[in-house]
Amino acid sequence: MTSAPRMLSSDLLERIRSRAAGYDRDNSFFTEDLDELRAAGYLAPRSLVETARDQRLLAAYAPATALAINMHHVWVGVARVLHDRGDTSLDWVLADAAAGELFAFGNSEQGNDLVLWDSLTTAEPVDGGYAFTGTKIFTSLSPAWTRLGIFGRHGDDLVHGFITRDTPGWSSKDDWDTLGMRATQSHTTVLDGALVPTNRVARVLPVGPSADPFVFGIFANFLLLTASVYAGIADRALELAVEAVQRRTSLKTGQHYDQDPDFRWRIADAALALDALAPQLEALAADVDGLVDRGANWFRYLTGAKHRSTETARYIVDQAMRSAGGGGYRSTSELSRLQRDVLAGIYHPSDTESVHSTVAANLLGPILPQH
């Protein structure tokens, strides 16, 4: 594993790892982790390449902590994408993040498989802005966010904006009780006329797909940072697999399992899959930072990177479980927790079906209507 950057010191990372099992067991928020990460400057803006590397490293120590912090970094990354392209409308996000404010992602809605192309939430014009009414699910950082990005529909438009924690008209259901990624505390958020003031409206865009840089920024940062978190889980799973076969001894041969050809092949195959992730993730992140224009291919590459990373991570965790023996099946095992955490990857946009549809449309064009 690469050496830790200054803000993620080895001591800090070890403290974060030491708390991960307790947060998972108690289904509690990572309050101490957040306090230390904020104090270390981890909420501040950085390039996408640097953020992705940091998130991958953090995820190897505490996947749920990394996944939750991801949502903050997505919004900071959107502001950075716009700023780098000459749009300063979200520079206030960069300033707030540098000051330690915590951004959360309040866009997901139950039953909305159009993701950012439509919304079940309403955004009604009122004096001073828009009033949002609807229900958002999977709001990571629910106990602690200070800024929440949301969107809703007004007529044929989608309105994107931000509320603060002291904004009236929102509530949290405190209903997070899941198989894995428990420390994210991604509660359901209910909006009941929550006001986004005019100066915090980020975009008003037509319903449907959009090439607006704001939308590109969301997809680029969300998909690549999510992919980085699951790559970090895979990093740790491979480490644990290597440790397991070096520790376990065969009664049949009297040798450690690291001398067994079958286990050696299993570990090597996992490593080969893992080695393919970093070049693609870092190259795509560098292209976003470098303003490279990949045109219509961008969504194919971004969704493909997320899909490949999450599926590869699931495979590597499975190989690690097979290498660790029955001890990995205990609920107190770190590998057992990684097995539960890695499953969350299949639920993040873009899902497997959407990814394949995106790639097919890029290569073959849209499906033609039947006559």
Foldseek 3Di string as FASTA:
>chain_A
DDAADPLCHPVLLQVLLVCQLVCWVVLAAPVVNLVSSLVSQVLADDFLLVVLVNLLQSLLRHLLVSVLQLQSRLLSQLCVLCVVVPHNLCVVSNVCSSVRAGEWEFEADPPPLVRPLADPWAWDDDVFATFIFDKGFQTFPVVHHQKYWYWHDDDQKIWIFIDGPPFPFKDWPQPQDALASSNRSRTMMGGGRGGGGPSGTDDIGGRGDDPDSSVVSNLQSNLLSLLSSLLSLLVNLLVLLVVQQCPDADPVPRHRNCPPPVLVVLSVVLVVLSVVQVVLSSVSSVCSVVVPDPDLCNVLSSQVSLVSSLVSSLSSLVSSDVSNPPVLCDPSHPSVNSNRHSVCSCVDPPHPVVSVQSNCCVVPNDDDDDD
